[in-house]
Amino acid sequence: MNNVEGMEEMYLDLIQPSNLIELFENTDEFRDWLQMGTIEEMGWALKAFERDELYSYCKIIKEEIKNASA
């Protein structure tokens, strides 16, 4: 595996929802991270979190989408 492949693998691991949530100390930090994105980006996150069956986080994402739409 060359450096580019290694970096790509590390990136793909990082963006997996189950790994990503480990970066946040609490749900407020997760909400702050969501709020940095657009509604469209939150929708993409929702799909990824649903795929990984992280439903408590899906609820938070849906709340933030609703808040951003208001």
PDB file of N, CA and C in Angstrom:
ATOM      1  N   MET A   1       0.857  -1.177   0.000  1.00  0.00           N
ATOM      2  CA  MET A   1       0.000   0.000   0.000  1.00  0.00           C
ATOM      3  C   MET A   1       0.901   1.239   0.000  1.00  0.00           C
ATOM      4  N   ASN A   2       0.617   2.157  -0.926  1.00  0.00           N
ATOM      5  CA  ASN A   2       1.410   3.374  -0.957  1.00  0.00           C
ATOM      6  C   ASN A   2       0.805   4.431  -0.030  1.00  0.00           C
ATOM      7  N   ASN A   3       1.480   5.571   0.068  1.00  0.00           N
ATOM      8  CA  ASN A   3       1.036   6.625   0.996  1.00  0.00           C
ATOM      9  C   ASN A   3      -0.367   7.135   0.680  1.00  0.00           C
ATOM     10  N   VAL A   4      -0.678   7.295  -0.599  1.00  0.00           N
ATOM     11  CA  VAL A   4      -1.991   7.803  -0.981  1.00  0.00           C
ATOM     12  C   VAL A   4      -3.077   6.812  -0.568  1.00  0.00           C
ATOM     13  N   GLU A   5      -2.865   5.545  -0.822  1.00  0.00           N
ATOM     14  CA  GLU A   5      -3.840   4.530  -0.430  1.00  0.00           C
ATOM     15  C   GLU A   5      -3.991   4.482   1.090  1.00  0.00           C
ATOM     16  N   GLY A   6      -2.895   4.618   1.795  1.00  0.00           N
ATOM     17  CA  GLY A   6      -2.933   4.624   3.257  1.00  0.00           C
ATOM     18  C   GLY A   6      -3.716   5.814   3.795  1.00  0.00           C
ATOM     19  N   MET A   7      -3.497   6.980   3.210  1.00  0.00           N
ATOM     20  CA  MET A   7      -4.223   8.177   3.621  1.00  0.00           C
ATOM     21  C   MET A   7      -5.709   8.035   3.309  1.00  0.00           C
ATOM     22  N   GLU A   8      -6.016   7.475   2.142  1.00  0.00           N
ATOM     23  CA  GLU A   8      -7.415   7.286   1.764  1.00  0.00           C
ATOM     24  C   GLU A   8      -8.113   6.339   2.748  1.00  0.00           C
ATOM     25  N   GLU A   9      -7.442   5.271   3.113  1.00  0.00           N
ATOM     26  CA  GLU A   9      -8.019   4.318   4.060  1.00  0.00           C
ATOM     27  C   GLU A   9      -8.249   4.973   5.420  1.00  0.00           C
ATOM     28  N   MET A  10      -7.291   5.779   5.865  1.00  0.00           N
ATOM     29  CA  MET A  10      -7.439   6.485   7.142  1.00  0.00           C
ATOM     30  C   MET A  10      -8.625   7.443   7.086  1.00  0.00           C
ATOM     31  N   TYR A  11      -8.771   8.159   5.960  1.00  0.00           N
ATOM     32  CA  TYR A  11      -9.876   9.102   5.803  1.00  0.00           C
ATOM     33  C   TYR A  11     -11.212   8.372   5.827  1.00  0.00           C
ATOM     34  N   LEU A  12     -11.311   7.276   5.087  1.00  0.00           N
ATOM     35  CA  LEU A  12     -12.559   6.523   5.045  1.00  0.00           C
ATOM     36  C   LEU A  12     -12.932   5.971   6.418  1.00  0.00           C
ATOM     37  N   ASP A  13     -11.935   5.540   7.179  1.00  0.00           N
ATOM     38  CA  ASP A  13     -12.191   5.073   8.542  1.00  0.00           C
ATOM     39  C   ASP A  13     -12.706   6.213   9.418  1.00  0.00           C
ATOM     40  N   LEU A  14     -12.104   7.393   9.264  1.00  0.00           N
ATOM     41  CA  LEU A  14     -12.462   8.541  10.085  1.00  0.00           C
ATOM     42  C   LEU A  14     -13.898   8.973   9.846  1.00  0.00           C
ATOM     43  N   ILE A  15     -14.338   8.953   8.593  1.00  0.00           N
ATOM     44  CA  ILE A  15     -15.671   9.470   8.287  1.00  0.00           C
ATOM     45  C   ILE A  15     -16.784   8.456   8.525  1.00  0.00           C
ATOM     46  N   GLN A  16     -16.455   7.266   8.953  1.00  0.00           N
ATOM     47  CA  GLN A  16     -17.485   6.300   9.327  1.00  0.00           C
ATOM     48  C   GLN A  16     -18.186   6.843  10.567  1.00  0.00           C
ATOM     49  N   PRO A  17     -19.521   6.925  10.549  1.00  0.00           N
ATOM     50  CA  PRO A  17     -20.224   7.497  11.692  1.00  0.00           C
ATOM     51  C   PRO A  17     -19.831   6.889  13.043  1.00  0.00           C
ATOM     52  N   SER A  18     -19.656   5.585  13.086  1.00  0.00           N
ATOM     53  CA  SER A  18     -19.299   4.954  14.362  1.00  0.00           C
ATOM     54  C   SER A  18     -17.937   5.425  14.868  1.00  0.00           C
ATOM     55  N   ASN A  19     -17.044   5.794  13.969  1.00  0.00           N
ATOM     56  CA  ASN A  19     -15.751   6.349  14.368  1.00  0.00           C
ATOM     57  C   ASN A  19     -15.851   7.848  14.625  1.00  0.00           C
ATOM     58  N   LEU A  20     -16.623   8.522  13.811  1.00  0.00           N
ATOM     59  CA  LEU A  20     -16.754   9.972  13.909  1.00  0.00           C
ATOM     60  C   LEU A  20     -17.293  10.397  15.270  1.00  0.00           C
ATOM     61  N   ILE A  21     -18.278   9.684  15.782  1.00  0.00           N
ATOM     62  CA  ILE A  21     -18.878  10.081  17.055  1.00  0.00           C
ATOM     63  C   ILE A  21     -17.899   9.995  18.224  1.00  0.00           C
ATOM     64  N   GLU A  22     -16.851   9.218  18.059  1.00  0.00           N
ATOM     65  CA  GLU A  22     -15.840   9.111  19.110  1.00  0.00           C
ATOM     66  C   GLU A  22     -15.058  10.409  19.292  1.00  0.00           C
ATOM     67  N   LEU A  23     -15.111  11.284  18.291  1.00  0.00           N
ATOM     68  CA  LEU A  23     -14.376  12.549  18.345  1.00  0.00           C
ATOM     69  C   LEU A  23     -15.063  13.598  19.211  1.00  0.00           C
ATOM     70  N   PHE A  24     -16.329  13.383  19.525  1.00  0.00           N
ATOM     71  CA  PHE A  24     -17.109  14.355  20.282  1.00  0.00           C
ATOM     72  C   PHE A  24     -17.234  13.900  21.728  1.00  0.00           C
ATOM     73  N   GLU A  25     -17.028  14.856  22.643  1.00  0.00           N
ATOM     74  CA  GLU A  25     -17.120  14.519  24.062  1.00  0.00           C
ATOM     75  C   GLU A  25     -18.563  14.410  24.532  1.00  0.00           C
ATOM     76  N   ASN A  26     -19.478  15.077  23.823  1.00  0.00           N
ATOM     77  CA  ASN A  26     -20.881  15.039  24.213  1.00  0.00           C
ATOM     78  C   ASN A  26     -21.748  15.415  23.014  1.00  0.00           C
ATOM     79  N   THR A  27     -23.060  15.338  23.200  1.00  0.00           N
ATOM     80  CA  THR A  27     -23.964  15.620  22.086  1.00  0.00           C
ATOM     81  C   THR A  27     -23.965  17.100  21.706  1.00  0.00           C
ATOM     82  N   ASP A  28     -23.632  17.977  22.642  1.00  0.00           N
ATOM     83  CA  ASP A  28     -23.544  19.402  22.297  1.00  0.00           C
ATOM     84  C   ASP A  28     -22.438  19.646  21.273  1.00  0.00           C
ATOM     85  N   GLU A  29     -21.315  18.975  21.430  1.00  0.00           N
ATOM     86  CA  GLU A  29     -20.232  19.091  20.445  1.00  0.00           C
ATOM     87  C   GLU A  29     -20.672  18.533  19.096  1.00  0.00           C
ATOM     88  N   PHE A  30     -21.418  17.443  19.121  1.00  0.00           N
ATOM     89  CA  PHE A  30     -21.942  16.871  17.889  1.00  0.00           C
ATOM     90  C   PHE A  30     -22.886  17.862  17.210  1.00  0.00           C
ATOM     91  N   ARG A  31     -23.763  18.498  17.983  1.00  0.00           N
ATOM     92  CA  ARG A  31     -24.670  19.507  17.437  1.00  0.00           C
ATOM     93  C   ARG A  31     -23.885  20.681  16.835  1.00  0.00           C
ATOM     94  N   ASP A  32     -22.861  21.126  17.532  1.00  0.00           N
ATOM     95  CA  ASP A  32     -22.027  22.222  17.017  1.00  0.00           C
ATOM     96  C   ASP A  32     -21.421  21.846  15.668  1.00  0.00           C
ATOM     97  N   TRP A  33     -20.958  20.613  15.559  1.00  0.00           N
ATOM     98  CA  TRP A  33     -20.374  20.134  14.305  1.00  0.00           C
ATOM     99  C   TRP A  33     -21.425  20.119  13.202  1.00  0.00           C
ATOM    100  N   LEU A  34     -22.623  19.639  13.520  1.00  0.00           N
ATOM    101  CA  LEU A  34     -23.697  19.617  12.531  1.00  0.00           C
ATOM    102  C   LEU A  34     -24.027  21.022  12.047  1.00  0.00           C
ATOM    103  N   GLN A  35     -24.077  21.972  12.954  1.00  0.00           N
ATOM    104  CA  GLN A  35     -24.457  23.338  12.629  1.00  0.00           C
ATOM    105  C   GLN A  35     -23.444  24.041  11.724  1.00  0.00           C
ATOM    106  N   MET A  36     -22.272  23.496  11.612  1.00  0.00           N
ATOM    107  CA  MET A  36     -21.277  24.059  10.684  1.00  0.00           C
ATOM    108  C   MET A  36     -21.614  23.699   9.240  1.00  0.00           C
ATOM    109  N   GLY A  37     -22.462  22.710   9.047  1.00  0.00           N
ATOM    110  CA  GLY A  37     -22.815  22.255   7.702  1.00  0.00           C
ATOM    111  C   GLY A  37     -24.110  22.870   7.213  1.00  0.00           C
ATOM    112  N   THR A  38     -24.410  22.594   5.965  1.00  0.00           N
ATOM    113  CA  THR A  38     -25.662  23.033   5.360  1.00  0.00           C
ATOM    114  C   THR A  38     -26.748  21.993   5.639  1.00  0.00           C
ATOM    115  N   ILE A  39     -27.984  22.337   5.320  1.00  0.00           N
ATOM    116  CA  ILE A  39     -29.079  21.382   5.466  1.00  0.00           C
ATOM    117  C   ILE A  39     -28.811  20.161   4.588  1.00  0.00           C
ATOM    118  N   GLU A  40     -28.305  20.395   3.391  1.00  0.00           N
ATOM    119  CA  GLU A  40     -27.995  19.284   2.489  1.00  0.00           C
ATOM    120  C   GLU A  40     -26.932  18.362   3.095  1.00  0.00           C
ATOM    121  N   GLU A  41     -25.900  18.949   3.668  1.00  0.00           N
ATOM    122  CA  GLU A  41     -24.845  18.145   4.283  1.00  0.00           C
ATOM    123  C   GLU A  41     -25.369  17.366   5.491  1.00  0.00           C
ATOM    124  N   MET A  42     -26.263  17.988   6.256  1.00  0.00           N
ATOM    125  CA  MET A  42     -26.870  17.269   7.381  1.00  0.00           C
ATOM    126  C   MET A  42     -27.703  16.096   6.866  1.00  0.00           C
ATOM    127  N   GLY A  43     -28.334  16.260   5.721  1.00  0.00           N
ATOM    128  CA  GLY A  43     -29.086  15.165   5.111  1.00  0.00           C
ATOM    129  C   GLY A  43     -28.185  14.003   4.740  1.00  0.00           C
ATOM    130  N   TRP A  44     -27.011  14.325   4.217  1.00  0.00           N
ATOM    131  CA  TRP A  44     -26.042  13.258   3.889  1.00  0.00           C
ATOM    132  C   TRP A  44     -25.611  12.542   5.158  1.00  0.00           C
ATOM    133  N   ALA A  45     -25.355  13.328   6.215  1.00  0.00           N
ATOM    134  CA  ALA A  45     -24.962  12.727   7.488  1.00  0.00           C
ATOM    135  C   ALA A  45     -26.074  11.817   7.999  1.00  0.00           C
ATOM    136  N   LEU A  46     -27.316  12.275   7.882  1.00  0.00           N
ATOM    137  CA  LEU A  46     -28.449  11.473   8.340  1.00  0.00           C
ATOM    138  C   LEU A  46     -28.478  10.118   7.647  1.00  0.00           C
ATOM    139  N   LYS A  47     -28.288  10.111   6.354  1.00  0.00           N
ATOM    140  CA  LYS A  47     -28.282   8.838   5.614  1.00  0.00           C
ATOM    141  C   LYS A  47     -27.174   7.908   6.117  1.00  0.00           C
ATOM    142  N   ALA A  48     -25.991   8.465   6.348  1.00  0.00           N
ATOM    143  CA  ALA A  48     -24.864   7.653   6.818  1.00  0.00           C
ATOM    144  C   ALA A  48     -25.125   7.105   8.218  1.00  0.00           C
ATOM    145  N   PHE A  49     -25.689   7.934   9.091  1.00  0.00           N
ATOM    146  CA  PHE A  49     -25.962   7.490  10.455  1.00  0.00           C
ATOM    147  C   PHE A  49     -27.097   6.468  10.483  1.00  0.00           C
ATOM    148  N   GLU A  50     -28.085   6.623   9.598  1.00  0.00           N
ATOM    149  CA  GLU A  50     -29.149   5.619   9.498  1.00  0.00           C
ATOM    150  C   GLU A  50     -28.574   4.285   9.020  1.00  0.00           C
ATOM    151  N   ARG A  51     -27.686   4.350   8.045  1.00  0.00           N
ATOM    152  CA  ARG A  51     -27.067   3.125   7.520  1.00  0.00           C
ATOM    153  C   ARG A  51     -26.331   2.377   8.630  1.00  0.00           C
ATOM    154  N   ASP A  52     -25.696   3.132   9.535  1.00  0.00           N
ATOM    155  CA  ASP A  52     -24.960   2.508  10.639  1.00  0.00           C
ATOM    156  C   ASP A  52     -25.844   2.263  11.869  1.00  0.00           C
ATOM    157  N   GLU A  53     -27.143   2.534  11.730  1.00  0.00           N
ATOM    158  CA  GLU A  53     -28.122   2.283  12.791  1.00  0.00           C
ATOM    159  C   GLU A  53     -27.808   3.039  14.083  1.00  0.00           C
ATOM    160  N   LEU A  54     -27.316   4.255  13.953  1.00  0.00           N
ATOM    161  CA  LEU A  54     -27.028   5.107  15.104  1.00  0.00           C
ATOM    162  C   LEU A  54     -28.210   6.056  15.295  1.00  0.00           C
ATOM    163  N   TYR A  55     -29.327   5.469  15.726  1.00  0.00           N
ATOM    164  CA  TYR A  55     -30.599   6.176  15.710  1.00  0.00           C
ATOM    165  C   TYR A  55     -30.687   7.334  16.697  1.00  0.00           C
ATOM    166  N   SER A  56     -29.983   7.264  17.818  1.00  0.00           N
ATOM    167  CA  SER A  56     -30.022   8.401  18.751  1.00  0.00           C
ATOM    168  C   SER A  56     -29.371   9.626  18.096  1.00  0.00           C
ATOM    169  N   TYR A  57     -28.358   9.396  17.286  1.00  0.00           N
ATOM    170  CA  TYR A  57     -27.725  10.502  16.563  1.00  0.00           C
ATOM    171  C   TYR A  57     -28.598  10.957  15.401  1.00  0.00           C
ATOM    172  N   CYS A  58     -29.339  10.048  14.788  1.00  0.00           N
ATOM    173  CA  CYS A  58     -30.273  10.411  13.719  1.00  0.00           C
ATOM    174  C   CYS A  58     -31.311  11.388  14.244  1.00  0.00           C
ATOM    175  N   LYS A  59     -31.782  11.146  15.446  1.00  0.00           N
ATOM    176  CA  LYS A  59     -32.765  12.041  16.065  1.00  0.00           C
ATOM    177  C   LYS A  59     -32.187  13.447  16.206  1.00  0.00           C
ATOM    178  N   ILE A  60     -30.952  13.538  16.645  1.00  0.00           N
ATOM    179  CA  ILE A  60     -30.299  14.837  16.802  1.00  0.00           C
ATOM    180  C   ILE A  60     -30.137  15.512  15.442  1.00  0.00           C
ATOM    181  N   ILE A  61     -29.732  14.756  14.449  1.00  0.00           N
ATOM    182  CA  ILE A  61     -29.557  15.316  13.106  1.00  0.00           C
ATOM    183  C   ILE A  61     -30.894  15.850  12.589  1.00  0.00           C
ATOM    184  N   LYS A  62     -31.972  15.093  12.758  1.00  0.00           N
ATOM    185  CA  LYS A  62     -33.288  15.538  12.316  1.00  0.00           C
ATOM    186  C   LYS A  62     -33.700  16.827  13.022  1.00  0.00           C
ATOM    187  N   GLU A  63     -33.410  16.916  14.318  1.00  0.00           N
ATOM    188  CA  GLU A  63     -33.727  18.139  15.068  1.00  0.00           C
ATOM    189  C   GLU A  63     -32.965  19.340  14.499  1.00  0.00           C
ATOM    190  N   GLU A  64     -31.686  19.128  14.189  1.00  0.00           N
ATOM    191  CA  GLU A  64     -30.874  20.233  13.660  1.00  0.00           C
ATOM    192  C   GLU A  64     -31.309  20.626  12.252  1.00  0.00           C
ATOM    193  N   ILE A  65     -31.742  19.658  11.448  1.00  0.00           N
ATOM    194  CA  ILE A  65     -32.274  19.983  10.125  1.00  0.00           C
ATOM    195  C   ILE A  65     -33.529  20.831  10.270  1.00  0.00           C
ATOM    196  N   LYS A  66     -34.397  20.440  11.195  1.00  0.00           N
ATOM    197  CA  LYS A  66     -35.627  21.194  11.435  1.00  0.00           C
ATOM    198  C   LYS A  66     -35.311  22.602  11.911  1.00  0.00           C
ATOM    199  N   ASN A  67     -34.374  22.742  12.840  1.00  0.00           N
ATOM    200  CA  ASN A  67     -33.989  24.060  13.371  1.00  0.00           C
ATOM    201  C   ASN A  67     -33.400  24.937  12.270  1.00  0.00           C
ATOM    202  N   ALA A  68     -32.603  24.348  11.393  1.00  0.00           N
ATOM    203  CA  ALA A  68     -31.957  25.108  10.335  1.00  0.00           C
ATOM    204  C   ALA A  68     -32.958  25.525   9.255  1.00  0.00           C
ATOM    205  N   SER A  69     -34.049  24.767   9.154  1.00  0.00           N
ATOM    206  CA  SER A  69     -35.076  25.056   8.145  1.00  0.00           C
ATOM    207  C   SER A  69     -36.048  26.143   8.613  1.00  0.00           C
ATOM    208  N   ALA A  70     -36.071  26.387   9.911  1.00  0.00           N
ATOM    209  CA  ALA A  70     -37.050  27.333  10.470  1.00  0.00           C
ATOM    210  C   ALA A  70     -36.686  28.777  10.189  1.00  0.00           C
TER     211      ALA A  70
END
